[in-house]
Amino acid sequence: MTTIKKRRSFESGHFRKFLLSMDDSQELDAALYYAASRIQRSTGSIVMLYVIVPQEFQHWINVRQQQVDEETTKAKALFRLARRKLNQAGFEGVAVEEVILEGAKGEEIRKLIDEDEDIAILVLGAATDQTGPGPLVSSLAAGSAAGTFPIPITIVPGNLELEDIKALA
């Protein structure tokens, strides 16, 4: 059994952080606005994490490097878009940190949480289509790791509008 690191987000010199896993899904907006609304009503910042998942077939180093370069460019574009959406929704004062890691998404999320003791909440948006809540929600919040996850996971319905989110958070 792994030990869970104590969160320090409310201790002197520390700051509570809401972690978001960035992708181009529609439900990300709900998670983004929820975290920003919670921060605006209390304190904290958003950590936007983009994980570059290595392709399985990479026999040449140039292919791997090209994928990393393309994914890094995509991550930076997603970060800019998220900041623009926050500004347009009235959350321009919310502090944002950008992190790009490479590996399996679930593993990299866990590693970042273990490394940063200020990350206190993982915020995920649930997909609204018929395929289910989304792979990350299924694996982290409903999978075998759910009972041993080191921080609370907030799952925001992906169909909520900004006004609804502001009323809830």
C-alpha atoms as a PDB file:
ATOM      1  CA  MET A   1       0.000   0.000   0.000  1.00  0.00           C
ATOM      2  CA  THR A   2       1.410   3.371  -0.984  1.00  0.00           C
ATOM      3  CA  THR A   3       1.469   6.191   1.503  1.00  0.00           C
ATOM      4  CA  ILE A   4      -0.415   9.322   0.652  1.00  0.00           C
ATOM      5  CA  LYS A   5       1.587  12.524   0.943  1.00  0.00           C
ATOM      6  CA  LYS A   6       0.099  15.160   3.171  1.00  0.00           C
ATOM      7  CA  ARG A   7      -1.337  18.067   1.212  1.00  0.00           C
ATOM      8  CA  ARG A   8       0.118  21.407   2.256  1.00  0.00           C
ATOM      9  CA  SER A   9      -2.095  23.756   0.263  1.00  0.00           C
ATOM     10  CA  PHE A  10      -3.365  25.673   3.307  1.00  0.00           C
ATOM     11  CA  GLU A  11      -0.056  25.918   5.174  1.00  0.00           C
ATOM     12  CA  SER A  12       1.997  29.084   5.253  1.00  0.00           C
ATOM     13  CA  GLY A  13       3.902  29.555   2.003  1.00  0.00           C
ATOM     14  CA  HIS A  14       1.650  27.175   0.078  1.00  0.00           C
ATOM     15  CA  PHE A  15      -1.292  27.697  -2.263  1.00  0.00           C
ATOM     16  CA  ARG A  16      -4.201  25.376  -3.107  1.00  0.00           C
ATOM     17  CA  LYS A  17      -4.166  24.141  -6.695  1.00  0.00           C
ATOM     18  CA  PHE A  18      -6.881  22.604  -8.855  1.00  0.00           C
ATOM     19  CA  LEU A  19      -5.501  20.142 -11.412  1.00  0.00           C
ATOM     20  CA  LEU A  20      -7.038  19.861 -14.883  1.00  0.00           C
ATOM     21  CA  SER A  21      -6.017  17.348 -17.527  1.00  0.00           C
ATOM     22  CA  MET A  22      -6.046  19.272 -20.791  1.00  0.00           C
ATOM     23  CA  ASP A  23      -7.337  17.886 -24.074  1.00  0.00           C
ATOM     24  CA  ASP A  24      -9.597  19.078 -26.862  1.00  0.00           C
ATOM     25  CA  SER A  25     -12.805  17.547 -25.493  1.00  0.00           C
ATOM     26  CA  GLN A  26     -15.949  19.640 -25.072  1.00  0.00           C
ATOM     27  CA  GLU A  27     -16.343  18.672 -21.416  1.00  0.00           C
ATOM     28  CA  LEU A  28     -13.031  20.338 -20.561  1.00  0.00           C
ATOM     29  CA  ASP A  29     -14.744  23.743 -20.593  1.00  0.00           C
ATOM     30  CA  ALA A  30     -17.076  22.683 -17.772  1.00  0.00           C
ATOM     31  CA  ALA A  31     -14.121  21.504 -15.653  1.00  0.00           C
ATOM     32  CA  LEU A  32     -12.150  24.674 -16.447  1.00  0.00           C
ATOM     33  CA  TYR A  33     -15.000  27.009 -15.515  1.00  0.00           C
ATOM     34  CA  TYR A  34     -15.810  25.024 -12.374  1.00  0.00           C
ATOM     35  CA  ALA A  35     -12.227  25.212 -11.104  1.00  0.00           C
ATOM     36  CA  ALA A  36     -11.988  28.926 -11.938  1.00  0.00           C
ATOM     37  CA  SER A  37     -15.286  29.645 -10.200  1.00  0.00           C
ATOM     38  CA  ARG A  38     -14.178  27.779  -7.064  1.00  0.00           C
ATOM     39  CA  ILE A  39     -10.909  29.716  -7.069  1.00  0.00           C
ATOM     40  CA  GLN A  40     -12.666  33.034  -7.564  1.00  0.00           C
ATOM     41  CA  ARG A  41     -14.897  32.335  -4.530  1.00  0.00           C
ATOM     42  CA  SER A  42     -12.023  31.209  -2.322  1.00  0.00           C
ATOM     43  CA  THR A  43      -8.336  31.017  -3.236  1.00  0.00           C
ATOM     44  CA  GLY A  44      -6.019  28.973  -5.379  1.00  0.00           C
ATOM     45  CA  SER A  45      -4.778  28.464  -8.886  1.00  0.00           C
ATOM     46  CA  ILE A  46      -5.270  26.097 -11.791  1.00  0.00           C
ATOM     47  CA  VAL A  47      -2.612  23.648 -12.937  1.00  0.00           C
ATOM     48  CA  MET A  48      -3.277  22.817 -16.576  1.00  0.00           C
ATOM     49  CA  LEU A  49      -1.589  19.497 -17.375  1.00  0.00           C
ATOM     50  CA  TYR A  50      -1.112  18.175 -20.888  1.00  0.00           C
ATOM     51  CA  VAL A  51       0.266  14.662 -21.148  1.00  0.00           C
ATOM     52  CA  ILE A  52       2.006  13.569 -24.333  1.00  0.00           C
ATOM     53  CA  VAL A  53       1.199   9.872 -24.683  1.00  0.00           C
ATOM     54  CA  PRO A  54       4.014   8.211 -26.660  1.00  0.00           C
ATOM     55  CA  GLN A  55       2.968   6.333 -29.766  1.00  0.00           C
ATOM     56  CA  GLU A  56       3.589   2.602 -29.562  1.00  0.00           C
ATOM     57  CA  PHE A  57       5.282   2.275 -32.953  1.00  0.00           C
ATOM     58  CA  GLN A  58       8.389   4.472 -32.851  1.00  0.00           C
ATOM     59  CA  HIS A  59      11.388   2.742 -34.356  1.00  0.00           C
ATOM     60  CA  TRP A  60      13.170   5.939 -35.264  1.00  0.00           C
ATOM     61  CA  ILE A  61      14.095   8.703 -32.880  1.00  0.00           C
ATOM     62  CA  ASN A  62      13.073  11.336 -35.445  1.00  0.00           C
ATOM     63  CA  VAL A  63       9.502  10.007 -35.490  1.00  0.00           C
ATOM     64  CA  ARG A  64       9.334  10.210 -31.696  1.00  0.00           C
ATOM     65  CA  GLN A  65      10.797  13.727 -31.621  1.00  0.00           C
ATOM     66  CA  GLN A  66       8.378  14.893 -34.311  1.00  0.00           C
ATOM     67  CA  GLN A  67       5.443  13.573 -32.260  1.00  0.00           C
ATOM     68  CA  VAL A  68       6.731  15.316 -29.113  1.00  0.00           C
ATOM     69  CA  ASP A  69       7.175  18.585 -31.029  1.00  0.00           C
ATOM     70  CA  GLU A  70       3.674  18.390 -32.547  1.00  0.00           C
ATOM     71  CA  GLU A  71       2.060  17.513 -29.209  1.00  0.00           C
ATOM     72  CA  THR A  72       3.939  20.318 -27.439  1.00  0.00           C
ATOM     73  CA  THR A  73       2.654  22.796 -30.017  1.00  0.00           C
ATOM     74  CA  LYS A  74      -0.880  21.439 -29.528  1.00  0.00           C
ATOM     75  CA  ALA A  75      -0.540  21.703 -25.738  1.00  0.00           C
ATOM     76  CA  LYS A  76       0.556  25.335 -25.929  1.00  0.00           C
ATOM     77  CA  ALA A  77      -2.365  26.135 -28.230  1.00  0.00           C
ATOM     78  CA  LEU A  78      -4.785  24.486 -25.776  1.00  0.00           C
ATOM     79  CA  PHE A  79      -3.282  26.500 -22.909  1.00  0.00           C
ATOM     80  CA  ARG A  80      -3.722  29.764 -24.867  1.00  0.00           C
ATOM     81  CA  LEU A  81      -7.306  28.845 -25.754  1.00  0.00           C
ATOM     82  CA  ALA A  82      -8.120  27.993 -22.132  1.00  0.00           C
ATOM     83  CA  ARG A  83      -6.699  31.305 -20.913  1.00  0.00           C
ATOM     84  CA  ARG A  84      -8.724  33.159 -23.554  1.00  0.00           C
ATOM     85  CA  LYS A  85     -11.898  31.337 -22.462  1.00  0.00           C
ATOM     86  CA  LEU A  86     -11.180  32.173 -18.814  1.00  0.00           C
ATOM     87  CA  ASN A  87     -10.690  35.851 -19.667  1.00  0.00           C
ATOM     88  CA  GLN A  88     -13.873  35.991 -21.742  1.00  0.00           C
ATOM     89  CA  ALA A  89     -15.862  34.345 -18.933  1.00  0.00           C
ATOM     90  CA  GLY A  90     -14.691  36.879 -16.329  1.00  0.00           C
ATOM     91  CA  PHE A  91     -11.955  34.780 -14.711  1.00  0.00           C
ATOM     92  CA  GLU A  92      -9.002  36.916 -15.817  1.00  0.00           C
ATOM     93  CA  GLY A  93      -7.656  37.113 -12.249  1.00  0.00           C
ATOM     94  CA  VAL A  94      -7.325  33.346 -11.843  1.00  0.00           C
ATOM     95  CA  ALA A  95      -3.694  32.211 -11.734  1.00  0.00           C
ATOM     96  CA  VAL A  96      -2.772  29.428 -14.154  1.00  0.00           C
ATOM     97  CA  GLU A  97       0.247  27.138 -14.303  1.00  0.00           C
ATOM     98  CA  GLU A  98       1.049  25.138 -17.448  1.00  0.00           C
ATOM     99  CA  VAL A  99       2.683  21.700 -17.284  1.00  0.00           C
ATOM    100  CA  ILE A 100       3.583  19.344 -20.149  1.00  0.00           C
ATOM    101  CA  LEU A 101       4.651  15.793 -19.303  1.00  0.00           C
ATOM    102  CA  GLU A 102       5.256  12.659 -21.340  1.00  0.00           C
ATOM    103  CA  GLY A 103       3.949   9.186 -20.461  1.00  0.00           C
ATOM    104  CA  ALA A 104       0.720   7.375 -19.635  1.00  0.00           C
ATOM    105  CA  LYS A 105      -1.935   9.920 -18.678  1.00  0.00           C
ATOM    106  CA  GLY A 106      -3.078   8.341 -15.415  1.00  0.00           C
ATOM    107  CA  GLU A 107       0.475   7.677 -14.251  1.00  0.00           C
ATOM    108  CA  GLU A 108       1.631  11.213 -15.022  1.00  0.00           C
ATOM    109  CA  ILE A 109      -1.336  12.693 -13.165  1.00  0.00           C
ATOM    110  CA  ARG A 110      -0.463  10.599 -10.100  1.00  0.00           C
ATOM    111  CA  LYS A 111       3.227  11.559 -10.324  1.00  0.00           C
ATOM    112  CA  LEU A 112       2.431  15.272 -10.546  1.00  0.00           C
ATOM    113  CA  ILE A 113       0.094  15.025  -7.553  1.00  0.00           C
ATOM    114  CA  ASP A 114       2.813  13.208  -5.600  1.00  0.00           C
ATOM    115  CA  GLU A 115       5.416  15.841  -6.525  1.00  0.00           C
ATOM    116  CA  ASP A 116       3.288  18.954  -5.891  1.00  0.00           C
ATOM    117  CA  GLU A 117       1.865  18.924  -2.365  1.00  0.00           C
ATOM    118  CA  ASP A 118      -0.260  21.998  -3.164  1.00  0.00           C
ATOM    119  CA  ILE A 119      -2.466  20.135  -5.653  1.00  0.00           C
ATOM    120  CA  ALA A 120      -5.605  19.523  -3.620  1.00  0.00           C
ATOM    121  CA  ILE A 121      -8.345  18.682  -6.146  1.00  0.00           C
ATOM    122  CA  LEU A 122      -8.467  16.990  -9.548  1.00  0.00           C
ATOM    123  CA  VAL A 123     -11.296  18.428 -11.646  1.00  0.00           C
ATOM    124  CA  LEU A 124     -12.583  16.332 -14.549  1.00  0.00           C
ATOM    125  CA  GLY A 125     -15.382  16.976 -17.009  1.00  0.00           C
ATOM    126  CA  ALA A 126     -17.701  14.063 -17.744  1.00  0.00           C
ATOM    127  CA  ALA A 127     -18.435  13.394 -21.411  1.00  0.00           C
ATOM    128  CA  THR A 128     -22.032  13.817 -22.484  1.00  0.00           C
ATOM    129  CA  ASP A 129     -22.161  11.277 -25.306  1.00  0.00           C
ATOM    130  CA  GLN A 130     -23.394   7.685 -25.169  1.00  0.00           C
ATOM    131  CA  THR A 131     -19.928   6.139 -24.852  1.00  0.00           C
ATOM    132  CA  GLY A 132     -19.687   6.936 -21.143  1.00  0.00           C
ATOM    133  CA  PRO A 133     -18.132   9.575 -18.911  1.00  0.00           C
ATOM    134  CA  GLY A 134     -14.761   9.486 -20.669  1.00  0.00           C
ATOM    135  CA  PRO A 135     -11.667   7.319 -20.287  1.00  0.00           C
ATOM    136  CA  LEU A 136     -10.005   9.436 -17.604  1.00  0.00           C
ATOM    137  CA  VAL A 137     -13.127   9.635 -15.453  1.00  0.00           C
ATOM    138  CA  SER A 138     -13.631   5.894 -15.860  1.00  0.00           C
ATOM    139  CA  SER A 139     -10.060   4.959 -15.000  1.00  0.00           C
ATOM    140  CA  LEU A 140      -9.392   7.394 -12.153  1.00  0.00           C
ATOM    141  CA  ALA A 141     -12.747   8.047 -10.520  1.00  0.00           C
ATOM    142  CA  ALA A 142     -14.485   4.742 -11.131  1.00  0.00           C
ATOM    143  CA  GLY A 143     -11.568   2.359 -11.610  1.00  0.00           C
ATOM    144  CA  SER A 144      -9.616   0.333  -9.107  1.00  0.00           C
ATOM    145  CA  ALA A 145      -7.552   3.398  -8.103  1.00  0.00           C
ATOM    146  CA  ALA A 146     -10.599   5.418  -7.000  1.00  0.00           C
ATOM    147  CA  GLY A 147     -10.518   4.272  -3.389  1.00  0.00           C
ATOM    148  CA  THR A 148      -6.811   4.979  -3.005  1.00  0.00           C
ATOM    149  CA  PHE A 149      -6.535   8.194  -4.993  1.00  0.00           C
ATOM    150  CA  PRO A 150      -4.510  10.757  -2.978  1.00  0.00           C
ATOM    151  CA  ILE A 151      -6.842  13.758  -3.464  1.00  0.00           C
ATOM    152  CA  PRO A 152     -10.564  14.336  -4.070  1.00  0.00           C
ATOM    153  CA  ILE A 153     -11.788  14.115  -7.644  1.00  0.00           C
ATOM    154  CA  THR A 154     -14.544  16.497  -8.700  1.00  0.00           C
ATOM    155  CA  ILE A 155     -16.475  15.353 -11.767  1.00  0.00           C
ATOM    156  CA  VAL A 156     -18.338  18.153 -13.500  1.00  0.00           C
ATOM    157  CA  PRO A 157     -21.163  17.229 -15.896  1.00  0.00           C
ATOM    158  CA  GLY A 158     -19.982  18.260 -19.333  1.00  0.00           C
ATOM    159  CA  ASN A 159     -23.351  19.685 -20.340  1.00  0.00           C
ATOM    160  CA  LEU A 160     -23.456  22.437 -17.693  1.00  0.00           C
ATOM    161  CA  GLU A 161     -23.449  25.998 -18.964  1.00  0.00           C
ATOM    162  CA  LEU A 162     -21.229  28.717 -17.479  1.00  0.00           C
ATOM    163  CA  GLU A 163     -24.110  30.297 -15.532  1.00  0.00           C
ATOM    164  CA  ASP A 164     -25.013  26.937 -13.985  1.00  0.00           C
ATOM    165  CA  ILE A 165     -21.402  26.304 -13.021  1.00  0.00           C
ATOM    166  CA  LYS A 166     -21.061  29.737 -11.417  1.00  0.00           C
ATOM    167  CA  ALA A 167     -24.215  29.031  -9.379  1.00  0.00           C
ATOM    168  CA  LEU A 168     -22.832  25.687  -8.186  1.00  0.00           C
ATOM    169  CA  ALA A 169     -19.151  26.314  -7.512  1.00  0.00           C
END
